[in-house]
Amino acid sequence: MLLSDWLRDNDITYPEFGHRTGFSSRTIEKWARGERYPKYKATKVILRVTHGKVTPQDLYDATELYNNKTQLSAFSESALAGF
């Protein structure tokens, strides 16, 4: 399960999750959006706090989705620049 989905399903805000995990709300937002991949220690904390619902693989998948969207967006912009 993606972190963003878990947060939404449990009605938990970035600041609240940050308080539970000891990380800043901005860091939580970046992880939830897939902008950054958390380090090993953080993935263990996320796994514990979410009771195993958000796994390191889920966090990696979110990062891959974000990177693919960013690359596709950049490609689309450059492709349209010639028109």
Protein backbone atom coordinates (compact mmCIF):
# COMPACT_ATOMS: atom_id res chain seq x y z
CA MET A 1 0.00 0.00 0.00
CA LEU A 2 1.35 3.42 -0.87
CA LEU A 3 2.07 5.73 2.05
CA SER A 4 -0.23 8.38 0.57
CA ASP A 5 -3.08 5.84 0.42
CA TRP A 6 -2.43 4.68 3.99
CA LEU A 7 -2.44 8.26 5.26
CA ARG A 8 -5.67 9.03 3.40
CA ASP A 9 -7.40 5.81 4.50
CA ASN A 10 -6.47 6.46 8.12
CA ASP A 11 -7.23 10.19 7.96
CA ILE A 12 -3.72 11.12 9.10
CA THR A 13 -2.01 14.35 8.08
CA TYR A 14 1.66 14.77 7.21
CA PRO A 15 2.33 16.66 10.47
CA GLU A 16 0.57 13.98 12.53
CA PHE A 17 2.49 11.15 10.84
CA GLY A 18 5.67 13.16 11.28
CA HIS A 19 4.98 13.41 14.99
CA ARG A 20 4.40 9.65 15.20
CA THR A 21 7.60 8.85 13.32
CA GLY A 22 9.93 11.65 14.40
CA PHE A 23 10.36 13.10 10.90
CA SER A 24 9.30 16.50 9.58
CA SER A 25 5.97 16.92 7.83
CA ARG A 26 7.82 18.07 4.68
CA THR A 27 9.86 14.85 4.69
CA ILE A 28 6.66 12.80 5.10
CA GLU A 29 5.10 14.70 2.21
CA LYS A 30 8.08 13.94 -0.06
CA TRP A 31 7.92 10.25 0.82
CA ALA A 32 4.14 10.11 0.34
CA ARG A 33 4.38 11.82 -3.04
CA GLY A 34 7.30 9.62 -4.08
CA GLU A 35 9.67 12.56 -4.44
CA ARG A 36 12.19 10.93 -2.13
CA TYR A 37 12.90 7.42 -0.92
CA PRO A 38 13.42 7.10 2.84
CA LYS A 39 16.63 5.67 4.24
CA TYR A 40 16.72 2.24 5.86
CA LYS A 41 16.03 3.45 9.42
CA ALA A 42 13.02 5.44 8.23
CA THR A 43 11.57 2.51 6.29
CA LYS A 44 11.71 0.43 9.47
CA VAL A 45 9.87 3.17 11.38
CA ILE A 46 7.22 3.49 8.65
CA LEU A 47 6.73 -0.27 8.59
CA ARG A 48 6.25 -0.29 12.37
CA VAL A 49 3.93 2.73 12.55
CA THR A 50 1.74 1.47 9.69
CA HIS A 51 1.63 -2.03 11.22
CA GLY A 52 3.23 -3.49 8.12
CA LYS A 53 0.75 -1.97 5.67
CA VAL A 54 3.37 0.26 3.97
CA THR A 55 6.44 -1.77 3.06
CA PRO A 56 9.85 -0.67 1.77
CA GLN A 57 8.77 -2.01 -1.65
CA ASP A 58 5.69 0.25 -1.56
CA LEU A 59 7.90 3.25 -0.84
CA TYR A 60 10.23 2.28 -3.68
CA ASP A 61 7.26 1.85 -6.04
CA ALA A 62 5.99 5.34 -5.18
CA THR A 63 9.41 6.80 -5.99
CA GLU A 64 9.49 4.94 -9.31
CA LEU A 65 6.02 6.24 -10.19
CA TYR A 66 7.09 9.80 -9.39
CA ASN A 67 10.28 9.48 -11.44
CA ASN A 68 8.40 8.02 -14.41
CA LYS A 69 5.82 10.83 -14.31
CA THR A 70 8.57 13.44 -14.08
CA GLN A 71 10.44 11.93 -17.04
CA LEU A 72 7.25 11.67 -19.10
CA SER A 73 6.37 15.28 -18.34
CA ALA A 74 9.84 16.48 -19.33
CA PHE A 75 9.68 14.42 -22.54
CA SER A 76 6.24 15.79 -23.41
CA GLU A 77 7.37 19.37 -22.90
CA SER A 78 10.47 18.90 -25.06
CA ALA A 79 8.48 17.10 -27.75
CA LEU A 80 5.93 19.91 -27.90
CA ALA A 81 8.60 22.60 -27.98
CA GLY A 82 9.17 21.93 -31.69
CA PHE A 83 5.54 22.72 -32.62
